[in-house]
Structures are given as structure tokens and as C-alpha cells.
Amino acid sequence: MGDNKDYMTHAEELGCIHISEDVLASLAAGAAAEVEGISGLMNLATKKTNARGVRLAMEEEGAVVDLYIMIRYGYAIPEVAEKIQAAVSGAIESMTGFAVKAVNVHVGGVSIQ
């Protein structure tokens, strides 16, 4: 695993499971995209994460996910943000077994389409 990617490690009885942070970012992006009222993820120029609109940081207590999104016009921003937080934390925790400390939703704009 010498390809300069960051991995999360989950120790098990039979050995360790290493999951790339890119995988976690993709899970977060996919879960967020399914929430009604989201128009899309914003394009972030970052070398750290390949998934559009997602930044991920690992802390001792769990993953901290930052999502940069566009909301569809007519939807209540707090309600959509709460649904995104629940969907993203649930997807990461259920699919990887890793704890999620926080899901921060950054609304960068409103889409009329």
C-alpha cells in the first residue's frame, strides 16, 4: 500500500482491514446524492480526496466529513442538511464499521433547476 493514499485501519481478530479515505469519501458522496433536495456536490480542487464535494479527516473519535453542496430551490436548508448528515453517517458506519464524529454540511448555493 505504498501509493501515498491515506487509509483507515480497523483491527479484527484475523488481521487488519485497511480502507482508503477515497472509498469513505465516495460513500459519503453517494449517500448525500440520494437525499431529496440536494442539487449536487460542489467541485473542490483538492489532491486529498478524489470524490467531488467531500473532504474527510480522521480523528481518534472517528471520521469528520465535510460536504460542499448545492440545494434545490424550494427546499428547507436545515431539513435537507439534517437528512444528509443522517444518510452519510449511517452509510459510512454501516458499510465500514468506522465511527463518524461529525458530518458538516456547507451549502454553497441554491439551484433553481
PDB file of N, CA and C in Angstrom:
ATOM      1  N   MET A   1       0.817  -1.180   0.000  1.00  0.00           N
ATOM      2  CA  MET A   1       0.000   0.000   0.000  1.00  0.00           C
ATOM      3  C   MET A   1       0.866   1.251   0.000  1.00  0.00           C
ATOM      4  N   GLY A   2       1.867   1.289  -0.834  1.00  0.00           N
ATOM      5  CA  GLY A   2       2.762   2.413  -0.878  1.00  0.00           C
ATOM      6  C   GLY A   2       2.395   3.420  -1.947  1.00  0.00           C
ATOM      7  N   ASP A   3       1.123   3.673  -2.167  1.00  0.00           N
ATOM      8  CA  ASP A   3       0.698   4.579  -3.223  1.00  0.00           C
ATOM      9  C   ASP A   3       0.287   5.949  -2.688  1.00  0.00           C
ATOM     10  N   ASN A   4       0.789   6.331  -1.506  1.00  0.00           N
ATOM     11  CA  ASN A   4       0.559   7.646  -0.906  1.00  0.00           C
ATOM     12  C   ASN A   4      -0.903   7.965  -0.633  1.00  0.00           C
ATOM     13  N   LYS A   5      -1.725   6.969  -0.450  1.00  0.00           N
ATOM     14  CA  LYS A   5      -3.110   7.196  -0.055  1.00  0.00           C
ATOM     15  C   LYS A   5      -3.197   7.043   1.453  1.00  0.00           C
ATOM     16  N   ASP A   6      -4.179   7.701   2.030  1.00  0.00           N
ATOM     17  CA  ASP A   6      -4.417   7.542   3.455  1.00  0.00           C
ATOM     18  C   ASP A   6      -5.466   6.461   3.643  1.00  0.00           C
ATOM     19  N   TYR A   7      -5.233   5.618   4.625  1.00  0.00           N
ATOM     20  CA  TYR A   7      -6.134   4.507   4.889  1.00  0.00           C
ATOM     21  C   TYR A   7      -6.601   4.556   6.326  1.00  0.00           C
ATOM     22  N   MET A   8      -7.821   4.103   6.526  1.00  0.00           N
ATOM     23  CA  MET A   8      -8.326   3.877   7.876  1.00  0.00           C
ATOM     24  C   MET A   8      -8.118   2.408   8.162  1.00  0.00           C
ATOM     25  N   THR A   9      -7.707   2.099   9.368  1.00  0.00           N
ATOM     26  CA  THR A   9      -7.430   0.718   9.721  1.00  0.00           C
ATOM     27  C   THR A   9      -8.387   0.271  10.813  1.00  0.00           C
ATOM     28  N   HIS A  10      -8.953  -0.895  10.588  1.00  0.00           N
ATOM     29  CA  HIS A  10      -9.880  -1.498  11.535  1.00  0.00           C
ATOM     30  C   HIS A  10      -9.293  -2.852  11.926  1.00  0.00           C
ATOM     31  N   ALA A  11      -8.849  -2.973  13.180  1.00  0.00           N
ATOM     32  CA  ALA A  11      -8.235  -4.226  13.644  1.00  0.00           C
ATOM     33  C   ALA A  11      -9.325  -5.254  13.946  1.00  0.00           C
ATOM     34  N   GLU A  12      -9.130  -6.446  13.404  1.00  0.00           N
ATOM     35  CA  GLU A  12     -10.043  -7.566  13.624  1.00  0.00           C
ATOM     36  C   GLU A  12      -9.261  -8.720  14.230  1.00  0.00           C
ATOM     37  N   GLU A  13      -9.954  -9.791  14.616  1.00  0.00           N
ATOM     38  CA  GLU A  13      -9.304 -10.973  15.173  1.00  0.00           C
ATOM     39  C   GLU A  13      -8.286 -11.580  14.216  1.00  0.00           C
ATOM     40  N   LEU A  14      -8.644 -11.655  12.962  1.00  0.00           N
ATOM     41  CA  LEU A  14      -7.802 -12.333  11.981  1.00  0.00           C
ATOM     42  C   LEU A  14      -6.823 -11.411  11.269  1.00  0.00           C
ATOM     43  N   GLY A  15      -6.825 -10.142  11.599  1.00  0.00           N
ATOM     44  CA  GLY A  15      -5.931  -9.195  10.944  1.00  0.00           C
ATOM     45  C   GLY A  15      -6.576  -7.828  10.847  1.00  0.00           C
ATOM     46  N   CYS A  16      -5.990  -6.984  10.028  1.00  0.00           N
ATOM     47  CA  CYS A  16      -6.465  -5.606   9.882  1.00  0.00           C
ATOM     48  C   CYS A  16      -7.173  -5.414   8.546  1.00  0.00           C
ATOM     49  N   ILE A  17      -8.157  -4.538   8.566  1.00  0.00           N
ATOM     50  CA  ILE A  17      -8.838  -4.131   7.341  1.00  0.00           C
ATOM     51  C   ILE A  17      -8.444  -2.686   7.087  1.00  0.00           C
ATOM     52  N   HIS A  18      -7.910  -2.409   5.897  1.00  0.00           N
ATOM     53  CA  HIS A  18      -7.489  -1.062   5.519  1.00  0.00           C
ATOM     54  C   HIS A  18      -8.441  -0.553   4.445  1.00  0.00           C
ATOM     55  N   ILE A  19      -9.060   0.591   4.707  1.00  0.00           N
ATOM     56  CA  ILE A  19      -9.999   1.185   3.759  1.00  0.00           C
ATOM     57  C   ILE A  19      -9.493   2.570   3.406  1.00  0.00           C
ATOM     58  N   SER A  20      -9.327   2.819   2.125  1.00  0.00           N
ATOM     59  CA  SER A  20      -8.845   4.112   1.653  1.00  0.00           C
ATOM     60  C   SER A  20      -9.832   5.211   2.012  1.00  0.00           C
ATOM     61  N   GLU A  21      -9.303   6.388   2.352  1.00  0.00           N
ATOM     62  CA  GLU A  21     -10.168   7.522   2.619  1.00  0.00           C
ATOM     63  C   GLU A  21     -10.958   7.915   1.376  1.00  0.00           C
ATOM     64  N   ASP A  22     -10.435   7.607   0.190  1.00  0.00           N
ATOM     65  CA  ASP A  22     -11.181   7.858  -1.045  1.00  0.00           C
ATOM     66  C   ASP A  22     -12.465   7.032  -1.090  1.00  0.00           C
ATOM     67  N   VAL A  23     -12.410   5.827  -0.561  1.00  0.00           N
ATOM     68  CA  VAL A  23     -13.597   4.975  -0.516  1.00  0.00           C
ATOM     69  C   VAL A  23     -14.639   5.599   0.416  1.00  0.00           C
ATOM     70  N   LEU A  24     -14.195   6.068   1.566  1.00  0.00           N
ATOM     71  CA  LEU A  24     -15.119   6.708   2.502  1.00  0.00           C
ATOM     72  C   LEU A  24     -15.727   7.969   1.901  1.00  0.00           C
ATOM     73  N   ALA A  25     -14.921   8.732   1.191  1.00  0.00           N
ATOM     74  CA  ALA A  25     -15.429   9.945   0.546  1.00  0.00           C
ATOM     75  C   ALA A  25     -16.451   9.588  -0.525  1.00  0.00           C
ATOM     76  N   SER A  26     -16.230   8.528  -1.253  1.00  0.00           N
ATOM     77  CA  SER A  26     -17.192   8.090  -2.274  1.00  0.00           C
ATOM     78  C   SER A  26     -18.500   7.622  -1.641  1.00  0.00           C
ATOM     79  N   LEU A  27     -18.403   6.919  -0.507  1.00  0.00           N
ATOM     80  CA  LEU A  27     -19.613   6.503   0.205  1.00  0.00           C
ATOM     81  C   LEU A  27     -20.407   7.721   0.667  1.00  0.00           C
ATOM     82  N   ALA A  28     -19.700   8.724   1.183  1.00  0.00           N
ATOM     83  CA  ALA A  28     -20.361   9.942   1.653  1.00  0.00           C
ATOM     84  C   ALA A  28     -21.043  10.662   0.494  1.00  0.00           C
ATOM     85  N   ALA A  29     -20.352  10.776  -0.632  1.00  0.00           N
ATOM     86  CA  ALA A  29     -20.917  11.459  -1.801  1.00  0.00           C
ATOM     87  C   ALA A  29     -22.159  10.730  -2.306  1.00  0.00           C
ATOM     88  N   GLY A  30     -22.083   9.419  -2.360  1.00  0.00           N
ATOM     89  CA  GLY A  30     -23.225   8.633  -2.832  1.00  0.00           C
ATOM     90  C   GLY A  30     -24.431   8.755  -1.914  1.00  0.00           C
ATOM     91  N   ALA A  31     -24.195   8.703  -0.607  1.00  0.00           N
ATOM     92  CA  ALA A  31     -25.292   8.818   0.354  1.00  0.00           C
ATOM     93  C   ALA A  31     -25.925  10.208   0.288  1.00  0.00           C
ATOM     94  N   ALA A  32     -25.111  11.237   0.173  1.00  0.00           N
ATOM     95  CA  ALA A  32     -25.633  12.605   0.100  1.00  0.00           C
ATOM     96  C   ALA A  32     -26.439  12.827  -1.169  1.00  0.00           C
ATOM     97  N   ALA A  33     -25.977  12.273  -2.269  1.00  0.00           N
ATOM     98  CA  ALA A  33     -26.644  12.470  -3.555  1.00  0.00           C
ATOM     99  C   ALA A  33     -28.050  11.882  -3.580  1.00  0.00           C
ATOM    100  N   GLU A  34     -28.327  10.934  -2.709  1.00  0.00           N
ATOM    101  CA  GLU A  34     -29.639  10.282  -2.664  1.00  0.00           C
ATOM    102  C   GLU A  34     -30.681  11.095  -1.892  1.00  0.00           C
ATOM    103  N   VAL A  35     -30.251  12.117  -1.170  1.00  0.00           N
ATOM    104  CA  VAL A  35     -31.175  12.903  -0.344  1.00  0.00           C
ATOM    105  C   VAL A  35     -31.961  13.870  -1.226  1.00  0.00           C
ATOM    106  N   GLU A  36     -33.270  13.873  -1.038  1.00  0.00           N
ATOM    107  CA  GLU A  36     -34.134  14.772  -1.806  1.00  0.00           C
ATOM    108  C   GLU A  36     -33.870  16.219  -1.389  1.00  0.00           C
ATOM    109  N   GLY A  37     -33.726  17.083  -2.378  1.00  0.00           N
ATOM    110  CA  GLY A  37     -33.476  18.490  -2.119  1.00  0.00           C
ATOM    111  C   GLY A  37     -32.049  18.914  -2.411  1.00  0.00           C
ATOM    112  N   ILE A  38     -31.164  17.944  -2.584  1.00  0.00           N
ATOM    113  CA  ILE A  38     -29.792  18.282  -2.929  1.00  0.00           C
ATOM    114  C   ILE A  38     -29.692  18.376  -4.444  1.00  0.00           C
ATOM    115  N   SER A  39     -29.075  19.436  -4.914  1.00  0.00           N
ATOM    116  CA  SER A  39     -28.911  19.626  -6.350  1.00  0.00           C
ATOM    117  C   SER A  39     -27.637  18.958  -6.850  1.00  0.00           C
ATOM    118  N   GLY A  40     -26.627  18.916  -5.994  1.00  0.00           N
ATOM    119  CA  GLY A  40     -25.377  18.280  -6.353  1.00  0.00           C
ATOM    120  C   GLY A  40     -24.276  18.683  -5.400  1.00  0.00           C
ATOM    121  N   LEU A  41     -23.123  18.072  -5.601  1.00  0.00           N
ATOM    122  CA  LEU A  41     -21.951  18.390  -4.811  1.00  0.00           C
ATOM    123  C   LEU A  41     -21.109  19.402  -5.572  1.00  0.00           C
ATOM    124  N   MET A  42     -20.474  20.285  -4.841  1.00  0.00           N
ATOM    125  CA  MET A  42     -19.661  21.318  -5.475  1.00  0.00           C
ATOM    126  C   MET A  42     -18.304  20.745  -5.857  1.00  0.00           C
ATOM    127  N   ASN A  43     -17.704  21.300  -6.887  1.00  0.00           N
ATOM    128  CA  ASN A  43     -16.403  20.852  -7.344  1.00  0.00           C
ATOM    129  C   ASN A  43     -15.320  21.503  -6.498  1.00  0.00           C
ATOM    130  N   LEU A  44     -14.551  20.675  -5.808  1.00  0.00           N
ATOM    131  CA  LEU A  44     -13.451  21.169  -4.977  1.00  0.00           C
ATOM    132  C   LEU A  44     -12.137  20.756  -5.618  1.00  0.00           C
ATOM    133  N   ALA A  45     -11.253  21.673  -5.772  1.00  0.00           N
ATOM    134  CA  ALA A  45      -9.919  21.352  -6.289  1.00  0.00           C
ATOM    135  C   ALA A  45      -9.076  20.912  -5.107  1.00  0.00           C
ATOM    136  N   THR A  46      -8.946  19.607  -4.946  1.00  0.00           N
ATOM    137  CA  THR A  46      -8.177  19.075  -3.829  1.00  0.00           C
ATOM    138  C   THR A  46      -7.429  17.819  -4.243  1.00  0.00           C
ATOM    139  N   LYS A  47      -6.243  17.688  -3.749  1.00  0.00           N
ATOM    140  CA  LYS A  47      -5.457  16.483  -4.002  1.00  0.00           C
ATOM    141  C   LYS A  47      -5.765  15.422  -2.959  1.00  0.00           C
ATOM    142  N   LYS A  48      -6.327  15.838  -1.825  1.00  0.00           N
ATOM    143  CA  LYS A  48      -6.559  14.931  -0.711  1.00  0.00           C
ATOM    144  C   LYS A  48      -7.663  13.918  -0.995  1.00  0.00           C
ATOM    145  N   THR A  49      -8.710  14.343  -1.653  1.00  0.00           N
ATOM    146  CA  THR A  49      -9.862  13.473  -1.888  1.00  0.00           C
ATOM    147  C   THR A  49     -10.326  13.613  -3.328  1.00  0.00           C
ATOM    148  N   ASN A  50     -10.549  12.483  -3.968  1.00  0.00           N
ATOM    149  CA  ASN A  50     -10.991  12.491  -5.358  1.00  0.00           C
ATOM    150  C   ASN A  50     -12.496  12.694  -5.487  1.00  0.00           C
ATOM    151  N   ALA A  51     -13.259  12.345  -4.450  1.00  0.00           N
ATOM    152  CA  ALA A  51     -14.711  12.483  -4.530  1.00  0.00           C
ATOM    153  C   ALA A  51     -15.076  13.959  -4.556  1.00  0.00           C
ATOM    154  N   ARG A  52     -15.889  14.323  -5.496  1.00  0.00           N
ATOM    155  CA  ARG A  52     -16.339  15.715  -5.645  1.00  0.00           C
ATOM    156  C   ARG A  52     -17.099  16.176  -4.422  1.00  0.00           C
ATOM    157  N   GLY A  53     -16.750  17.369  -3.914  1.00  0.00           N
ATOM    158  CA  GLY A  53     -17.510  17.981  -2.846  1.00  0.00           C
ATOM    159  C   GLY A  53     -17.370  17.354  -1.478  1.00  0.00           C
ATOM    160  N   VAL A  54     -16.362  16.521  -1.272  1.00  0.00           N
ATOM    161  CA  VAL A  54     -16.192  15.840   0.012  1.00  0.00           C
ATOM    162  C   VAL A  54     -14.754  16.000   0.490  1.00  0.00           C
ATOM    163  N   ARG A  55     -14.621  16.369   1.751  1.00  0.00           N
ATOM    164  CA  ARG A  55     -13.315  16.340   2.413  1.00  0.00           C
ATOM    165  C   ARG A  55     -13.469  15.476   3.653  1.00  0.00           C
ATOM    166  N   LEU A  56     -12.447  14.713   3.947  1.00  0.00           N
ATOM    167  CA  LEU A  56     -12.511  13.758   5.039  1.00  0.00           C
ATOM    168  C   LEU A  56     -11.277  13.903   5.910  1.00  0.00           C
ATOM    169  N   ALA A  57     -11.474  13.891   7.212  1.00  0.00           N
ATOM    170  CA  ALA A  57     -10.356  13.917   8.157  1.00  0.00           C
ATOM    171  C   ALA A  57     -10.588  12.829   9.200  1.00  0.00           C
ATOM    172  N   MET A  58      -9.521  12.179   9.571  1.00  0.00           N
ATOM    173  CA  MET A  58      -9.618  11.126  10.571  1.00  0.00           C
ATOM    174  C   MET A  58      -9.135  11.657  11.915  1.00  0.00           C
ATOM    175  N   GLU A  59      -9.932  11.446  12.940  1.00  0.00           N
ATOM    176  CA  GLU A  59      -9.568  11.807  14.298  1.00  0.00           C
ATOM    177  C   GLU A  59      -9.739  10.575  15.169  1.00  0.00           C
ATOM    178  N   GLU A  60      -9.231  10.629  16.391  1.00  0.00           N
ATOM    179  CA  GLU A  60      -9.317   9.466  17.276  1.00  0.00           C
ATOM    180  C   GLU A  60     -10.753   9.023  17.519  1.00  0.00           C
ATOM    181  N   GLU A  61     -11.661   9.987  17.629  1.00  0.00           N
ATOM    182  CA  GLU A  61     -13.059   9.656  17.924  1.00  0.00           C
ATOM    183  C   GLU A  61     -13.825   9.184  16.697  1.00  0.00           C
ATOM    184  N   GLY A  62     -13.274   9.387  15.506  1.00  0.00           N
ATOM    185  CA  GLY A  62     -13.950   8.959  14.289  1.00  0.00           C
ATOM    186  C   GLY A  62     -13.701   9.908  13.137  1.00  0.00           C
ATOM    187  N   ALA A  63     -14.372   9.642  12.050  1.00  0.00           N
ATOM    188  CA  ALA A  63     -14.201  10.434  10.825  1.00  0.00           C
ATOM    189  C   ALA A  63     -14.981  11.747  10.927  1.00  0.00           C
ATOM    190  N   VAL A  64     -14.385  12.792  10.379  1.00  0.00           N
ATOM    191  CA  VAL A  64     -15.069  14.076  10.241  1.00  0.00           C
ATOM    192  C   VAL A  64     -15.228  14.311   8.743  1.00  0.00           C
ATOM    193  N   VAL A  65     -16.476  14.416   8.302  1.00  0.00           N
ATOM    194  CA  VAL A  65     -16.792  14.554   6.885  1.00  0.00           C
ATOM    195  C   VAL A  65     -17.301  15.970   6.634  1.00  0.00           C
ATOM    196  N   ASP A  66     -16.720  16.635   5.651  1.00  0.00           N
ATOM    197  CA  ASP A  66     -17.193  17.947   5.218  1.00  0.00           C
ATOM    198  C   ASP A  66     -17.755  17.795   3.811  1.00  0.00           C
ATOM    199  N   LEU A  67     -19.023  18.145   3.643  1.00  0.00           N
ATOM    200  CA  LEU A  67     -19.691  18.068   2.340  1.00  0.00           C
ATOM    201  C   LEU A  67     -20.013  19.475   1.865  1.00  0.00           C
ATOM    202  N   TYR A  68     -19.695  19.753   0.609  1.00  0.00           N
ATOM    203  CA  TYR A  68     -19.953  21.053  -0.008  1.00  0.00           C
ATOM    204  C   TYR A  68     -21.009  20.834  -1.079  1.00  0.00           C
ATOM    205  N   ILE A  69     -22.206  21.384  -0.840  1.00  0.00           N
ATOM    206  CA  ILE A  69     -23.359  21.017  -1.665  1.00  0.00           C
ATOM    207  C   ILE A  69     -24.074  22.237  -2.236  1.00  0.00           C
ATOM    208  N   MET A  70     -24.941  21.952  -3.204  1.00  0.00           N
ATOM    209  CA  MET A  70     -25.899  22.905  -3.744  1.00  0.00           C
ATOM    210  C   MET A  70     -27.289  22.366  -3.386  1.00  0.00           C
ATOM    211  N   ILE A  71     -28.162  23.257  -2.936  1.00  0.00           N
ATOM    212  CA  ILE A  71     -29.536  22.895  -2.562  1.00  0.00           C
ATOM    213  C   ILE A  71     -30.475  23.305  -3.687  1.00  0.00           C
ATOM    214  N   ARG A  72     -31.514  22.511  -3.899  1.00  0.00           N
ATOM    215  CA  ARG A  72     -32.551  22.895  -4.862  1.00  0.00           C
ATOM    216  C   ARG A  72     -33.450  23.964  -4.256  1.00  0.00           C
ATOM    217  N   TYR A  73     -33.823  24.897  -5.084  1.00  0.00           N
ATOM    218  CA  TYR A  73     -34.715  25.979  -4.657  1.00  0.00           C
ATOM    219  C   TYR A  73     -36.031  25.389  -4.160  1.00  0.00           C
ATOM    220  N   GLY A  74     -36.529  25.921  -3.056  1.00  0.00           N
ATOM    221  CA  GLY A  74     -37.816  25.496  -2.521  1.00  0.00           C
ATOM    222  C   GLY A  74     -37.701  24.505  -1.376  1.00  0.00           C
ATOM    223  N   TYR A  75     -36.520  23.988  -1.109  1.00  0.00           N
ATOM    224  CA  TYR A  75     -36.324  23.039  -0.012  1.00  0.00           C
ATOM    225  C   TYR A  75     -35.775  23.769   1.206  1.00  0.00           C
ATOM    226  N   ALA A  76     -36.197  23.345   2.376  1.00  0.00           N
ATOM    227  CA  ALA A  76     -35.714  23.934   3.625  1.00  0.00           C
ATOM    228  C   ALA A  76     -34.288  23.446   3.887  1.00  0.00           C
ATOM    229  N   ILE A  77     -33.361  24.364   3.914  1.00  0.00           N
ATOM    230  CA  ILE A  77     -31.941  24.017   4.045  1.00  0.00           C
ATOM    231  C   ILE A  77     -31.653  23.217   5.318  1.00  0.00           C
ATOM    232  N   PRO A  78     -32.157  23.622   6.494  1.00  0.00           N
ATOM    233  CA  PRO A  78     -31.856  22.827   7.696  1.00  0.00           C
ATOM    234  C   PRO A  78     -32.360  21.382   7.615  1.00  0.00           C
ATOM    235  N   GLU A  79     -33.536  21.187   7.024  1.00  0.00           N
ATOM    236  CA  GLU A  79     -34.084  19.833   6.904  1.00  0.00           C
ATOM    237  C   GLU A  79     -33.249  18.979   5.967  1.00  0.00           C
ATOM    238  N   VAL A  80     -32.863  19.532   4.828  1.00  0.00           N
ATOM    239  CA  VAL A  80     -32.033  18.785   3.873  1.00  0.00           C
ATOM    240  C   VAL A  80     -30.683  18.470   4.502  1.00  0.00           C
ATOM    241  N   ALA A  81     -30.100  19.437   5.201  1.00  0.00           N
ATOM    242  CA  ALA A  81     -28.794  19.219   5.836  1.00  0.00           C
ATOM    243  C   ALA A  81     -28.859  18.111   6.882  1.00  0.00           C
ATOM    244  N   GLU A  82     -29.916  18.091   7.681  1.00  0.00           N
ATOM    245  CA  GLU A  82     -30.064  17.036   8.688  1.00  0.00           C
ATOM    246  C   GLU A  82     -30.207  15.664   8.038  1.00  0.00           C
ATOM    247  N   LYS A  83     -30.958  15.588   6.945  1.00  0.00           N
ATOM    248  CA  LYS A  83     -31.115  14.312   6.244  1.00  0.00           C
ATOM    249  C   LYS A  83     -29.787  13.855   5.662  1.00  0.00           C
ATOM    250  N   ILE A  84     -28.994  14.803   5.150  1.00  0.00           N
ATOM    251  CA  ILE A  84     -27.675  14.473   4.606  1.00  0.00           C
ATOM    252  C   ILE A  84     -26.781  13.945   5.726  1.00  0.00           C
ATOM    253  N   GLN A  85     -26.787  14.605   6.868  1.00  0.00           N
ATOM    254  CA  GLN A  85     -25.959  14.160   7.993  1.00  0.00           C
ATOM    255  C   GLN A  85     -26.307  12.732   8.404  1.00  0.00           C
ATOM    256  N   ALA A  86     -27.593  12.444   8.503  1.00  0.00           N
ATOM    257  CA  ALA A  86     -28.025  11.102   8.894  1.00  0.00           C
ATOM    258  C   ALA A  86     -27.653  10.066   7.839  1.00  0.00           C
ATOM    259  N   ALA A  87     -27.861  10.403   6.570  1.00  0.00           N
ATOM    260  CA  ALA A  87     -27.571   9.457   5.491  1.00  0.00           C
ATOM    261  C   ALA A  87     -26.077   9.160   5.394  1.00  0.00           C
ATOM    262  N   VAL A  88     -25.262  10.184   5.481  1.00  0.00           N
ATOM    263  CA  VAL A  88     -23.812   9.995   5.343  1.00  0.00           C
ATOM    264  C   VAL A  88     -23.241   9.223   6.527  1.00  0.00           C
ATOM    265  N   SER A  89     -23.601   9.624   7.738  1.00  0.00           N
ATOM    266  CA  SER A  89     -23.062   8.902   8.900  1.00  0.00           C
ATOM    267  C   SER A  89     -23.548   7.459   8.913  1.00  0.00           C
ATOM    268  N   GLY A  90     -24.809   7.240   8.570  1.00  0.00           N
ATOM    269  CA  GLY A  90     -25.335   5.878   8.524  1.00  0.00           C
ATOM    270  C   GLY A  90     -24.649   5.016   7.482  1.00  0.00           C
ATOM    271  N   ALA A  91     -24.401   5.580   6.305  1.00  0.00           N
ATOM    272  CA  ALA A  91     -23.752   4.812   5.239  1.00  0.00           C
ATOM    273  C   ALA A  91     -22.325   4.432   5.616  1.00  0.00           C
ATOM    274  N   ILE A  92     -21.578   5.379   6.127  1.00  0.00           N
ATOM    275  CA  ILE A  92     -20.181   5.085   6.479  1.00  0.00           C
ATOM    276  C   ILE A  92     -20.112   4.088   7.627  1.00  0.00           C
ATOM    277  N   GLU A  93     -20.923   4.301   8.656  1.00  0.00           N
ATOM    278  CA  GLU A  93     -20.878   3.400   9.806  1.00  0.00           C
ATOM    279  C   GLU A  93     -21.336   1.991   9.451  1.00  0.00           C
ATOM    280  N   SER A  94     -22.391   1.871   8.659  1.00  0.00           N
ATOM    281  CA  SER A  94     -22.904   0.537   8.338  1.00  0.00           C
ATOM    282  C   SER A  94     -22.028  -0.202   7.333  1.00  0.00           C
ATOM    283  N   MET A  95     -21.416   0.515   6.413  1.00  0.00           N
ATOM    284  CA  MET A  95     -20.631  -0.155   5.376  1.00  0.00           C
ATOM    285  C   MET A  95     -19.176  -0.398   5.776  1.00  0.00           C
ATOM    286  N   THR A  96     -18.662   0.365   6.743  1.00  0.00           N
ATOM    287  CA  THR A  96     -17.250   0.198   7.107  1.00  0.00           C
ATOM    288  C   THR A  96     -17.044  -0.199   8.558  1.00  0.00           C
ATOM    289  N   GLY A  97     -17.998   0.085   9.422  1.00  0.00           N
ATOM    290  CA  GLY A  97     -17.827  -0.183  10.841  1.00  0.00           C
ATOM    291  C   GLY A  97     -17.078   0.919  11.568  1.00  0.00           C
ATOM    292  N   PHE A  98     -16.681   1.974  10.872  1.00  0.00           N
ATOM    293  CA  PHE A  98     -15.971   3.079  11.490  1.00  0.00           C
ATOM    294  C   PHE A  98     -16.960   4.101  12.044  1.00  0.00           C
ATOM    295  N   ALA A  99     -16.591   4.697  13.154  1.00  0.00           N
ATOM    296  CA  ALA A  99     -17.430   5.734  13.757  1.00  0.00           C
ATOM    297  C   ALA A  99     -17.304   7.033  12.972  1.00  0.00           C
ATOM    298  N   VAL A 100     -18.386   7.787  12.945  1.00  0.00           N
ATOM    299  CA  VAL A 100     -18.387   9.116  12.334  1.00  0.00           C
ATOM    300  C   VAL A 100     -18.576  10.121  13.455  1.00  0.00           C
ATOM    301  N   LYS A 101     -17.607  10.995  13.638  1.00  0.00           N
ATOM    302  CA  LYS A 101     -17.659  12.002  14.693  1.00  0.00           C
ATOM    303  C   LYS A 101     -18.564  13.159  14.292  1.00  0.00           C
ATOM    304  N   ALA A 102     -18.456  13.599  13.024  1.00  0.00           N
ATOM    305  CA  ALA A 102     -19.244  14.747  12.572  1.00  0.00           C
ATOM    306  C   ALA A 102     -19.423  14.712  11.069  1.00  0.00           C
ATOM    307  N   VAL A 103     -20.561  15.216  10.622  1.00  0.00           N
ATOM    308  CA  VAL A 103     -20.821  15.457   9.202  1.00  0.00           C
ATOM    309  C   VAL A 103     -21.197  16.930   9.097  1.00  0.00           C
ATOM    310  N   ASN A 104     -20.295  17.719   8.538  1.00  0.00           N
ATOM    311  CA  ASN A 104     -20.506  19.153   8.385  1.00  0.00           C
ATOM    312  C   ASN A 104     -20.988  19.426   6.969  1.00  0.00           C
ATOM    313  N   VAL A 105     -22.133  20.082   6.864  1.00  0.00           N
ATOM    314  CA  VAL A 105     -22.724  20.378   5.559  1.00  0.00           C
ATOM    315  C   VAL A 105     -22.519  21.863   5.264  1.00  0.00           C
ATOM    316  N   HIS A 106     -21.844  22.137   4.161  1.00  0.00           N
ATOM    317  CA  HIS A 106     -21.583  23.512   3.720  1.00  0.00           C
ATOM    318  C   HIS A 106     -22.427  23.775   2.476  1.00  0.00           C
ATOM    319  N   VAL A 107     -23.391  24.673   2.581  1.00  0.00           N
ATOM    320  CA  VAL A 107     -24.266  24.987   1.456  1.00  0.00           C
ATOM    321  C   VAL A 107     -23.627  26.139   0.687  1.00  0.00           C
ATOM    322  N   GLY A 108     -23.219  25.845  -0.546  1.00  0.00           N
ATOM    323  CA  GLY A 108     -22.518  26.827  -1.355  1.00  0.00           C
ATOM    324  C   GLY A 108     -23.414  27.594  -2.315  1.00  0.00           C
ATOM    325  N   GLY A 109     -24.671  27.156  -2.438  1.00  0.00           N
ATOM    326  CA  GLY A 109     -25.559  27.850  -3.353  1.00  0.00           C
ATOM    327  C   GLY A 109     -26.892  27.164  -3.476  1.00  0.00           C
ATOM    328  N   VAL A 110     -27.767  27.797  -4.229  1.00  0.00           N
ATOM    329  CA  VAL A 110     -29.115  27.282  -4.481  1.00  0.00           C
ATOM    330  C   VAL A 110     -29.293  27.137  -5.964  1.00  0.00           C
ATOM    331  N   SER A 111     -29.792  25.980  -6.379  1.00  0.00           N
ATOM    332  CA  SER A 111     -30.039  25.707  -7.783  1.00  0.00           C
ATOM    333  C   SER A 111     -31.524  25.855  -8.065  1.00  0.00           C
ATOM    334  N   ILE A 112     -31.848  26.565  -9.136  1.00  0.00           N
ATOM    335  CA  ILE A 112     -33.248  26.786  -9.488  1.00  0.00           C
ATOM    336  C   ILE A 112     -33.793  25.628 -10.323  1.00  0.00           C
ATOM    337  N   GLN A 113     -32.976  24.844 -10.887  1.00  0.00           N
ATOM    338  CA  GLN A 113     -33.405  23.738 -11.747  1.00  0.00           C
ATOM    339  C   GLN A 113     -34.028  22.625 -10.951  1.00  0.00           C
TER     340      GLN A 113
END
